[in-house]
Structures are given as C-alpha cells and as structure tokens.
Amino acid sequence: MRCNPGFDAGPGPTFLAPLGRAWHADVMDVGLPSLAELYRIGRGPSSSHTIGPQHAARRFRPRVPEGAHVHVTLYGSLAATGRGHGTDRAILGEFTGLTVAFDWRPQEELPLHPNGIELVAFHPDRGEVARWRVYSVGGGALHDDTTPAPVERYPFRSMADLLAWCEAERAAPWQAVEHFDTDAVPALLEAVLTAMDACIDRGLATRGVLPGGLSVPRKAADFSGRARTGGGRGAWLSAYALAAMEENAAGGEVVTAPTCGACGVVPAVVRWHRQEGAPRTELTRALATAGLVGAIVKRNASISGAEVGCQGEVGTACAMAAAAACQLAGGTPAQLEYAAEMALEHHLGLTCDPVLGLVQMPCIERNAFAALRAVDCADYALVGDGRHRITFDQAVQAMAETGRDLHRRYRETAEGGLARVHRMGS
C-alpha cells in the first residue's frame, strides 16, 4: 500500500519532560527521529556509561595536540557507577599515548543531565587548549549546549499519532518506518538482527564467571541445555536473554534496544520467533515496530536509568518486545499498543540499583523476566480487540512523572535498593 505523504499527525498530546532537564526541550517540538538514533551496535556493559563516553572521547581527541594531557571529570551517576561500568577504560582507549587524569564527582550533577562529562586538554607550554562539557543521555547518545535537535523523520510525536496514521492509511506500524525513515534503515535493521543473533550465539557458547568481582556465573548455556530437553518457551526466552546480557556484562558487542543494560529483552523475543519459523523479513519488520515504540518513549520520557530508573530501560525494552511479539503473532495496531502499554505499565517504579555499579545484579535476570513478560503481554492483548482504558502514551507520561519523583539513589547511583543492602551485608 502506498502511504499518503501528506498525512498530518497533528500536534499530539503534551508531555512533561521527565526531570525538567533542559536538553529535553530540544526534542519536544519535533516528531520522532530516525531509528538509527535508537539502535546502536557497540560494546557493553552500558550505553550511557561506556558507548557514550567512548564516543565523547573520540570526538574530543582531534582537539588535543601532541604533548598535551587530558583531565576528565565525571559527574553524578556517571561517576557513581562509572568504575563498575568501565567508563574510565572506555575513555582511556581513545586517548592512547596521552596522560589522562580522572576526577570522580558522584554527588555533583551538572544542569542538563545526571551523566555529565567535562574533558579538558592542557599543553605544558600553552596551558588549557581545549574544553568540552557533554552529557551521555542514554542509549549511547550525546548532548551538549550546542547539540541541535534530532532531525525529524516521522510526523509522529506519540503512539496516538502513530495509531491515527495506521488507521488513515490502513497500514501497519512497520510500514511507517518503510515510508518515513531514511533509506539506510532497512540495512540497519538487517545489521541489528545479525548482531543480535551473533551476540546470543556467543553467549550460549560461553561458560565461566563474569568479570567485575561479584563472581556471577554465566547461566545461558545451562538454560539452553534445559530448554532442549523440554523446557518450553520460557526456558528458551530465558536462555536467549541471559546470553545477550552476559555478553554485555563481559564487554561484548551488543545492540542498544534501547540501552545496553536492557539489551537482552528484544533479542530474546525476536530469536524465539525465529526459532518458531518466522521469516527474516517479518523479524526485521518486528524490529522496526519495536524501534518506534522505543523512540516514542525516548522522546516523551527517557530511556536513561540515571534519569528515570530501570523502568526507562528494561520497562521500555519490554514494551518494545511486547509490540514486536504481538505483531509477529498477527496482532492489529491497537493490539500492539495494548501489549506495549501493559509491558511498560507493569514496570512503573522499577529502580536502577546495580550492585557494585555492575550491569549484572539484578540486571541480567531482570532482562530474562522482562522477555517472559513481553510475550505474556502480547498473548494477553491478542485475546481481545485492543480496547482498554490506560493508553500507552499515558503509561509513558506516568513513567516520566515516576522517574522525576524517584530519589537519585534509585537512579543508577548504586546508593540504594539492592546495591545498598548488598553492600551492608558484605
């Protein structure tokens, strides 16, 4: 079906910026950006603590002359859990041959976002030669005071807008991606699917103990073995989610979906449907729909655990996976919206409390349970016709408000929740 290029989605509902952060104002007046802003292939264990800072250092490196040294100041959540996430190692890798000093300031936050970085280069003869203050705002994305708003690719600002477009065009959500996004996105989705499969395969084939000091054993291979002896859908979903997240915890290559800390949910659900015979074309279309769900949350709330807690990471991943699963099972746009709403709704209030600042406990198991919940939400939505009282957009707004109300100790600082009780008991 040819989509109507003149469709006007209208202004859409008004949403609150999740924490009153100034950087969100840049995206509130535009539609959704390309899915290339959501799906990124990179190394774990954290998109905001590893991929983002690494890219920041890479962009800053050309401004550093030979013979200079670099002073890196990490603020807020980035400092609180940066050592566990390997932030310093990610940055050092881009400054090979230079002297780098780190200043960790976990109790101090910069104005725009909890994950602040300041890079300053000093030359022994000329003094300060370059300075850059930048923020790692989730999913590997960077923002500074001069960053322009993402280029609008879609006329949608909300799920309501997307559903209206689908109804007007008699189209599925994935067709919006085909029509509105860049020509490079089909190849991106193919690469994302390949990377997700490769990540799971590596995770299933690897045993041992994860690095970091918690002595967490890899379990994916054992779960896979049990699944082969009749464990059923739940065992396979768990095995696949564990495999991806264990690779992430080990610093392997993963896909932000929407973040590294939630990178096991969507791949597990998609891999399960591949195992059940879904053709590759249908899988990439499911990734397209999942990407739209994640992009809506990213625009109208946040996918940053440092900003809204794990509800923004695993909760969003579960919503993305639920929509994908529902579509792969033949669901209508209304049913997809219901599945995504349930998935997000039942993660509201979920804290980000990584033990020792590592993306292991409770993150790995949390991804497995979210994968199970995603397909359950899809099954539930398929029973009815998609009509329900709480909309996905309302759930997104509730998540933004809940994230605003969460004390900072429950937003990726490792100062509260499981991280605190584990520290007290050790």
Protein backbone atom coordinates (compact mmCIF):
# COMPACT_ATOMS: atom_id res chain seq x y z
CA MET A 1 0.00 0.00 0.00
CA ARG A 2 1.22 3.47 -0.86
CA CYS A 3 1.19 5.70 2.20
CA ASN A 4 -0.16 9.22 1.98
CA PRO A 5 2.87 11.56 2.11
CA GLY A 6 0.64 14.49 3.00
CA PHE A 7 -0.57 12.99 6.28
CA ASP A 8 -0.53 15.50 9.13
CA ALA A 9 -0.25 13.84 12.53
CA GLY A 10 -1.34 16.99 14.34
CA PRO A 11 0.24 18.40 17.47
CA GLY A 12 -0.25 15.28 19.61
CA PRO A 13 -0.58 15.29 23.40
CA THR A 14 1.58 17.40 25.65
CA PHE A 15 4.13 15.54 27.77
CA LEU A 16 6.21 16.61 30.71
CA ALA A 17 9.99 16.41 30.39
CA PRO A 18 10.98 13.65 32.81
CA LEU A 19 13.19 15.57 35.20
CA GLY A 20 12.91 19.12 33.99
CA ARG A 21 16.22 18.72 32.15
CA ALA A 22 16.90 21.43 29.61
CA TRP A 23 18.13 19.05 26.92
CA HIS A 24 14.66 17.54 26.57
CA ALA A 25 13.29 20.87 25.38
CA ASP A 26 15.17 20.37 22.12
CA VAL A 27 13.15 17.31 21.15
CA MET A 28 9.70 18.23 22.42
CA ASP A 29 8.71 20.25 19.34
CA VAL A 30 9.64 17.70 16.71
CA GLY A 31 8.45 14.27 15.66
CA LEU A 32 10.41 11.07 16.08
CA PRO A 33 13.97 10.90 14.74
CA SER A 34 15.37 8.00 12.74
CA LEU A 35 15.60 4.57 14.32
CA ALA A 36 19.34 4.93 13.81
CA GLU A 37 19.18 7.16 16.90
CA LEU A 38 17.85 4.20 18.93
CA TYR A 39 19.52 1.04 17.65
CA ARG A 40 23.30 1.23 18.02
CA ILE A 41 25.77 -1.63 17.76
CA GLY A 42 28.60 -1.32 20.28
CA ARG A 43 30.33 -2.85 23.25
CA GLY A 44 28.81 -3.23 26.71
CA PRO A 45 28.28 -3.08 29.52
CA SER A 46 26.49 0.29 29.39
CA SER A 47 25.41 2.52 26.55
CA SER A 48 25.36 5.67 28.69
CA HIS A 49 28.46 4.79 30.73
CA THR A 50 30.56 3.05 28.06
CA ILE A 51 29.43 3.79 24.49
CA GLY A 52 28.54 7.43 25.13
CA PRO A 53 31.75 8.40 26.98
CA GLN A 54 33.86 6.49 24.47
CA HIS A 55 32.28 8.43 21.60
CA ALA A 56 32.75 11.67 23.53
CA ALA A 57 36.46 10.96 23.96
CA ARG A 58 36.75 10.01 20.29
CA ARG A 59 35.20 13.31 19.23
CA PHE A 60 37.42 15.28 21.63
CA ARG A 61 40.68 13.57 20.64
CA PRO A 62 41.35 15.63 17.46
CA ARG A 63 41.33 18.80 19.59
CA VAL A 64 44.18 17.50 21.79
CA PRO A 65 47.64 18.38 20.44
CA GLU A 66 50.62 16.12 20.85
CA GLY A 67 52.31 16.53 24.21
CA ALA A 68 49.13 17.62 25.98
CA HIS A 69 47.44 15.76 28.79
CA VAL A 70 43.71 15.34 29.41
CA HIS A 71 41.74 15.90 32.59
CA VAL A 72 38.38 14.09 32.67
CA THR A 73 35.73 14.98 35.25
CA LEU A 74 32.77 12.62 35.61
CA TYR A 75 29.65 13.85 37.38
CA GLY A 76 26.58 12.35 39.05
CA SER A 77 25.55 8.85 38.10
CA LEU A 78 28.37 8.64 35.59
CA ALA A 79 30.83 9.00 38.46
CA ALA A 80 28.86 6.92 40.96
CA THR A 81 28.85 3.75 38.85
CA GLY A 82 31.48 4.61 36.25
CA ARG A 83 34.17 2.33 37.64
CA GLY A 84 31.84 -0.67 37.64
CA HIS A 85 30.64 0.14 34.15
CA GLY A 86 34.18 0.62 32.81
CA THR A 87 33.74 4.29 31.92
CA ASP A 88 37.38 5.10 32.56
CA ARG A 89 38.59 2.20 30.44
CA ALA A 90 36.30 3.24 27.55
CA ILE A 91 37.68 6.77 27.65
CA LEU A 92 41.32 5.71 28.05
CA GLY A 93 41.03 3.58 24.93
CA GLU A 94 40.52 6.72 22.85
CA PHE A 95 43.47 8.57 24.40
CA THR A 96 46.25 6.08 23.78
CA GLY A 97 49.66 7.70 24.24
CA LEU A 98 48.34 10.58 26.34
CA THR A 99 48.37 11.14 30.09
CA VAL A 100 44.81 11.12 31.41
CA ALA A 101 43.66 12.05 34.92
CA PHE A 102 40.17 11.34 36.24
CA ASP A 103 38.14 13.32 38.77
CA TRP A 104 35.08 11.44 40.09
CA ARG A 105 32.25 13.61 41.47
CA PRO A 106 29.27 11.34 42.23
CA GLN A 107 27.49 13.84 44.47
CA GLU A 108 27.65 16.70 41.97
CA GLU A 109 25.34 16.92 38.95
CA LEU A 110 25.57 19.29 36.02
CA PRO A 111 22.41 21.12 34.91
CA LEU A 112 21.30 19.19 31.85
CA HIS A 113 21.54 15.50 32.85
CA PRO A 114 22.88 13.26 35.65
CA ASN A 115 25.52 11.79 33.29
CA GLY A 116 27.85 14.74 32.80
CA ILE A 117 31.41 14.70 31.42
CA GLU A 118 33.93 17.52 31.19
CA LEU A 119 37.05 16.99 29.09
CA VAL A 120 39.90 19.49 29.35
CA ALA A 121 43.21 19.34 27.47
CA PHE A 122 46.32 21.04 28.86
CA HIS A 123 49.56 21.67 27.00
CA PRO A 124 52.75 22.09 29.09
CA ASP A 125 53.67 25.28 27.22
CA ARG A 126 50.29 26.76 26.26
CA GLY A 127 48.12 25.82 29.23
CA GLU A 128 44.50 24.90 28.55
CA VAL A 129 43.97 24.28 24.85
CA ALA A 130 40.53 22.64 24.68
CA ARG A 131 37.49 22.14 26.89
CA TRP A 132 34.19 20.33 26.28
CA ARG A 133 31.25 19.69 28.58
CA VAL A 134 28.97 16.96 27.25
CA TYR A 135 26.24 14.65 28.53
CA SER A 136 25.65 10.95 27.91
CA VAL A 137 21.86 11.00 27.82
CA GLY A 138 21.05 7.31 27.30
CA GLY A 139 21.38 4.68 24.61
CA GLY A 140 24.84 5.94 23.64
CA ALA A 141 23.55 9.37 22.57
CA LEU A 142 25.47 12.56 23.41
CA HIS A 143 24.19 16.08 24.02
CA ASP A 144 25.87 19.39 24.76
CA ASP A 145 24.78 23.01 24.89
CA THR A 146 25.09 23.34 21.12
CA THR A 147 23.64 19.99 20.00
CA PRO A 148 20.78 20.58 17.55
CA ALA A 149 17.51 18.74 17.91
CA PRO A 150 17.48 15.33 16.19
CA VAL A 151 16.34 15.51 12.57
CA GLU A 152 12.63 14.74 12.39
CA ARG A 153 11.93 11.66 10.30
CA TYR A 154 8.35 10.95 11.33
CA PRO A 155 5.31 13.20 11.72
CA PHE A 156 4.55 11.34 14.95
CA ARG A 157 5.01 12.59 18.48
CA SER A 158 3.10 9.85 20.29
CA MET A 159 1.57 6.42 19.98
CA ALA A 160 -1.81 8.08 19.41
CA ASP A 161 -0.36 9.83 16.36
CA LEU A 162 1.05 6.56 15.04
CA LEU A 163 -2.25 4.71 15.50
CA ALA A 164 -4.11 7.51 13.74
CA TRP A 165 -1.71 7.24 10.81
CA CYS A 166 -2.12 3.46 10.68
CA GLU A 167 -5.90 3.80 10.64
CA ALA A 168 -5.91 6.51 7.99
CA GLU A 169 -3.53 4.57 5.75
CA ARG A 170 -4.79 1.08 6.60
CA ALA A 171 -1.17 0.28 7.31
CA ALA A 172 0.91 -1.48 9.95
CA PRO A 173 3.40 0.42 12.14
CA TRP A 174 6.39 -1.09 10.37
CA GLN A 175 5.18 0.48 7.13
CA ALA A 176 5.68 3.90 8.69
CA VAL A 177 9.35 3.04 9.07
CA GLU A 178 9.50 1.95 5.45
CA HIS A 179 7.85 5.17 4.31
CA PHE A 180 9.28 7.88 6.55
CA ASP A 181 12.75 6.82 7.71
CA THR A 182 15.99 7.08 5.80
CA ASP A 183 16.98 4.73 3.00
CA ALA A 184 19.72 3.37 5.26
CA VAL A 185 17.34 1.97 7.88
CA PRO A 186 16.47 -1.34 6.12
CA ALA A 187 20.18 -2.18 6.04
CA LEU A 188 20.49 -1.04 9.66
CA LEU A 189 17.70 -3.38 10.75
CA GLU A 190 19.38 -6.25 8.91
CA ALA A 191 22.65 -5.45 10.67
CA VAL A 192 20.87 -5.17 14.02
CA LEU A 193 19.23 -8.57 13.58
CA THR A 194 22.58 -10.13 12.61
CA ALA A 195 24.33 -8.54 15.59
CA MET A 196 21.60 -9.69 18.00
CA ASP A 197 21.84 -13.26 16.75
CA ALA A 198 25.64 -13.25 16.93
CA CYS A 199 25.54 -11.90 20.47
CA ILE A 200 23.14 -14.63 21.59
CA ASP A 201 25.21 -17.32 19.85
CA ARG A 202 28.37 -16.17 21.66
CA GLY A 203 26.55 -16.05 24.96
CA LEU A 204 25.16 -19.55 24.57
CA ALA A 205 28.59 -20.93 23.69
CA THR A 206 30.49 -19.35 26.59
CA ARG A 207 30.80 -20.53 30.18
CA GLY A 208 32.70 -19.21 33.15
CA VAL A 209 32.44 -16.31 35.58
CA LEU A 210 31.69 -12.73 34.60
CA PRO A 211 34.33 -10.08 35.37
CA GLY A 212 33.86 -7.41 38.00
CA GLY A 213 34.24 -9.04 41.41
CA LEU A 214 30.74 -10.42 42.06
CA SER A 215 31.69 -13.90 40.78
CA VAL A 216 28.43 -14.17 38.85
CA PRO A 217 28.46 -17.39 36.80
CA ARG A 218 27.25 -17.46 33.23
CA LYS A 219 23.99 -19.41 33.06
CA ALA A 220 22.84 -19.12 29.45
CA ALA A 221 24.45 -22.36 28.31
CA ASP A 222 22.82 -24.30 31.15
CA PHE A 223 19.41 -22.77 30.42
CA SER A 224 19.83 -23.63 26.75
CA GLY A 225 20.59 -27.25 27.66
CA ARG A 226 17.48 -27.48 29.80
CA ALA A 227 15.38 -25.87 27.08
CA ARG A 228 16.48 -28.56 24.63
CA THR A 229 15.15 -31.24 26.98
CA GLY A 230 11.64 -29.84 27.04
CA GLY A 231 11.86 -26.59 28.96
CA GLY A 232 9.45 -24.84 26.62
CA ARG A 233 9.11 -21.22 25.56
CA GLY A 234 10.05 -19.81 28.94
CA ALA A 235 13.33 -21.70 29.10
CA TRP A 236 14.33 -20.59 25.59
CA LEU A 237 13.42 -16.96 26.20
CA SER A 238 15.41 -17.01 29.43
CA ALA A 239 18.40 -18.63 27.76
CA TYR A 240 18.45 -16.08 24.96
CA ALA A 241 18.05 -13.06 27.25
CA LEU A 242 20.73 -14.35 29.61
CA ALA A 243 23.08 -14.99 26.68
CA ALA A 244 22.81 -11.42 25.39
CA MET A 245 23.10 -9.84 28.83
CA GLU A 246 26.05 -12.00 29.85
CA GLU A 247 27.84 -10.91 26.70
CA ASN A 248 27.03 -7.33 27.61
CA ALA A 249 28.37 -7.77 31.15
CA ALA A 250 31.59 -9.18 29.68
CA GLY A 251 32.02 -6.15 27.39
CA GLY A 252 30.97 -7.95 24.23
CA GLU A 253 29.27 -6.45 21.19
CA VAL A 254 25.56 -5.87 21.74
CA VAL A 255 22.71 -3.77 20.35
CA THR A 256 21.15 -0.96 22.34
CA ALA A 257 17.48 -1.91 22.45
CA PRO A 258 17.04 0.67 23.78
CA THR A 259 20.17 0.51 26.01
CA CYS A 260 22.99 -1.92 26.79
CA GLY A 261 21.53 -2.55 30.25
CA ALA A 262 18.31 -3.73 28.59
CA CYS A 263 19.87 -5.39 25.55
CA GLY A 264 18.61 -8.90 26.28
CA VAL A 265 14.84 -8.44 26.02
CA VAL A 266 14.14 -7.64 22.36
CA PRO A 267 16.80 -10.06 21.00
CA ALA A 268 15.37 -12.91 23.11
CA VAL A 269 11.82 -12.38 21.87
CA VAL A 270 12.88 -11.98 18.25
CA ARG A 271 15.15 -15.05 18.44
CA TRP A 272 12.30 -17.14 19.88
CA HIS A 273 10.06 -16.23 16.94
CA ARG A 274 12.86 -17.02 14.53
CA GLN A 275 13.12 -20.43 16.17
CA GLU A 276 9.38 -20.85 15.66
CA GLY A 277 9.78 -20.26 11.94
CA ALA A 278 9.20 -16.54 11.46
CA PRO A 279 10.92 -15.43 8.21
CA ARG A 280 13.71 -12.89 8.36
CA THR A 281 11.61 -10.22 6.66
CA GLU A 282 9.00 -10.47 9.41
CA LEU A 283 11.69 -10.25 12.08
CA THR A 284 13.16 -7.03 10.69
CA ARG A 285 9.64 -5.60 10.44
CA ALA A 286 9.10 -6.51 14.08
CA LEU A 287 12.34 -4.67 14.93
CA ALA A 288 11.01 -1.66 13.04
CA THR A 289 7.83 -1.61 15.13
CA ALA A 290 9.79 -2.16 18.34
CA GLY A 291 12.03 0.74 17.37
CA LEU A 292 9.06 3.08 17.00
CA VAL A 293 7.87 2.13 20.49
CA GLY A 294 11.32 2.84 21.95
CA ALA A 295 11.60 6.11 20.04
CA ILE A 296 8.26 7.31 21.43
CA VAL A 297 9.42 6.61 24.99
CA LYS A 298 12.78 8.25 24.36
CA ARG A 299 11.11 11.39 23.01
CA ASN A 300 8.36 11.77 25.60
CA ALA A 301 10.08 10.41 28.73
CA SER A 302 13.56 8.86 28.91
CA ILE A 303 15.44 5.62 28.37
CA SER A 304 18.22 6.65 30.78
CA GLY A 305 18.44 4.71 34.04
CA ALA A 306 20.31 7.65 35.53
CA GLU A 307 17.30 9.83 34.80
CA VAL A 308 14.22 7.66 35.43
CA GLY A 309 15.45 4.37 36.86
CA CYS A 310 15.27 0.93 35.28
CA GLN A 311 11.65 1.47 34.28
CA GLY A 312 13.07 3.56 31.45
CA GLU A 313 15.48 0.84 30.36
CA VAL A 314 14.04 -2.62 30.97
CA GLY A 315 10.48 -1.26 31.04
CA THR A 316 10.93 0.30 27.61
CA ALA A 317 12.67 -2.82 26.29
CA CYS A 318 9.75 -4.94 27.49
CA ALA A 319 7.27 -2.62 25.74
CA MET A 320 9.31 -2.79 22.54
CA ALA A 321 9.48 -6.58 22.70
CA ALA A 322 5.78 -6.92 23.52
CA ALA A 323 4.82 -4.91 20.45
CA ALA A 324 7.20 -6.96 18.29
CA ALA A 325 5.83 -10.25 19.65
CA CYS A 326 2.25 -9.13 19.12
CA GLN A 327 2.97 -8.12 15.54
CA LEU A 328 4.72 -11.42 14.81
CA ALA A 329 1.62 -13.22 16.12
CA GLY A 330 -0.65 -11.29 13.76
CA GLY A 331 -1.83 -8.54 16.06
CA THR A 332 -3.50 -5.34 14.92
CA PRO A 333 -2.01 -1.90 15.62
CA ALA A 334 -4.48 -1.50 18.51
CA GLN A 335 -3.39 -4.82 19.99
CA LEU A 336 0.28 -3.89 19.60
CA GLU A 337 -0.37 -0.67 21.50
CA TYR A 338 -2.13 -2.58 24.28
CA ALA A 339 0.70 -5.09 24.59
CA ALA A 340 3.28 -2.30 24.79
CA GLU A 341 1.19 -0.38 27.33
CA MET A 342 0.87 -3.39 29.64
CA ALA A 343 4.57 -4.11 29.41
CA LEU A 344 5.51 -0.56 30.40
CA GLU A 345 2.76 -0.17 32.99
CA HIS A 346 3.90 -3.18 34.96
CA HIS A 347 7.46 -1.88 35.18
CA LEU A 348 6.50 1.51 36.62
CA GLY A 349 8.63 2.44 39.61
CA LEU A 350 11.39 -0.05 38.81
CA THR A 351 14.60 1.27 40.32
CA CYS A 352 18.09 1.19 38.84
CA ASP A 353 20.17 -0.28 41.67
CA PRO A 354 23.14 -2.17 40.17
CA VAL A 355 25.19 -4.00 42.77
CA LEU A 356 28.77 -2.63 42.80
CA GLY A 357 27.76 -0.48 39.83
CA LEU A 358 27.98 -3.52 37.54
CA VAL A 359 25.40 -4.40 34.88
CA GLN A 360 24.96 -7.87 36.40
CA MET A 361 22.83 -7.98 39.54
CA PRO A 362 19.88 -7.55 39.19
CA CYS A 363 20.18 -6.52 35.54
CA ILE A 364 20.79 -9.88 33.88
CA GLU A 365 17.88 -11.76 35.46
CA ARG A 366 15.68 -8.67 35.10
CA ASN A 367 16.11 -8.88 31.32
CA ALA A 368 15.09 -12.54 31.31
CA PHE A 369 11.92 -11.87 33.27
CA ALA A 370 11.09 -8.91 31.01
CA ALA A 371 11.36 -11.16 27.95
CA LEU A 372 8.89 -13.56 29.53
CA ARG A 373 6.57 -10.69 30.43
CA ALA A 374 6.74 -9.28 26.90
CA VAL A 375 5.35 -12.40 25.26
CA ASP A 376 2.77 -12.76 28.03
CA CYS A 377 1.61 -9.20 27.35
CA ALA A 378 1.36 -9.99 23.64
CA ASP A 379 -0.69 -13.13 24.36
CA TYR A 380 -2.99 -11.18 26.67
CA ALA A 381 -3.52 -8.38 24.14
CA LEU A 382 -4.33 -10.87 21.37
CA VAL A 383 -7.26 -12.27 23.36
CA GLY A 384 -9.19 -9.01 22.98
CA ASP A 385 -9.62 -6.36 20.30
CA GLY A 386 -7.11 -3.92 21.74
CA ARG A 387 -9.59 -1.69 23.54
CA HIS A 388 -8.52 -0.69 27.06
CA ARG A 389 -8.60 2.29 29.42
CA ILE A 390 -4.95 3.27 30.05
CA THR A 391 -3.19 4.20 26.83
CA PHE A 392 0.47 3.68 26.05
CA ASP A 393 1.00 7.44 25.96
CA GLN A 394 -0.48 7.73 29.45
CA ALA A 395 1.83 4.98 30.68
CA VAL A 396 4.79 6.86 29.19
CA GLN A 397 3.75 10.04 30.96
CA ALA A 398 3.31 8.13 34.23
CA MET A 399 6.80 6.72 33.80
CA ALA A 400 8.23 10.20 33.26
CA GLU A 401 6.50 11.52 36.37
CA THR A 402 7.55 8.50 38.43
CA GLY A 403 11.15 8.95 37.30
CA ARG A 404 11.02 12.58 38.36
CA ASP A 405 9.83 11.54 41.81
CA LEU A 406 12.43 8.79 42.34
CA HIS A 407 15.18 9.75 44.76
CA ARG A 408 18.53 9.95 42.99
CA ARG A 409 19.83 6.96 44.98
CA TYR A 410 17.44 4.78 42.95
CA ARG A 411 18.61 6.13 39.60
CA GLU A 412 21.83 4.29 38.71
CA THR A 413 23.96 5.58 41.55
CA ALA A 414 24.31 2.20 43.33
CA GLU A 415 23.45 4.03 46.57
CA GLY A 416 20.03 2.48 47.23
CA GLY A 417 17.94 -0.64 46.82
CA LEU A 418 19.72 -3.92 46.21
CA ALA A 419 23.07 -2.18 45.78
CA ARG A 420 22.83 -0.74 49.30
CA VAL A 421 21.62 -3.86 51.10
CA HIS A 422 24.27 -5.95 49.36
CA ARG A 423 26.96 -3.51 50.44
CA MET A 424 25.71 -3.56 54.02
CA GLY A 425 25.67 -7.34 54.12
CA SER A 426 29.10 -7.89 52.60
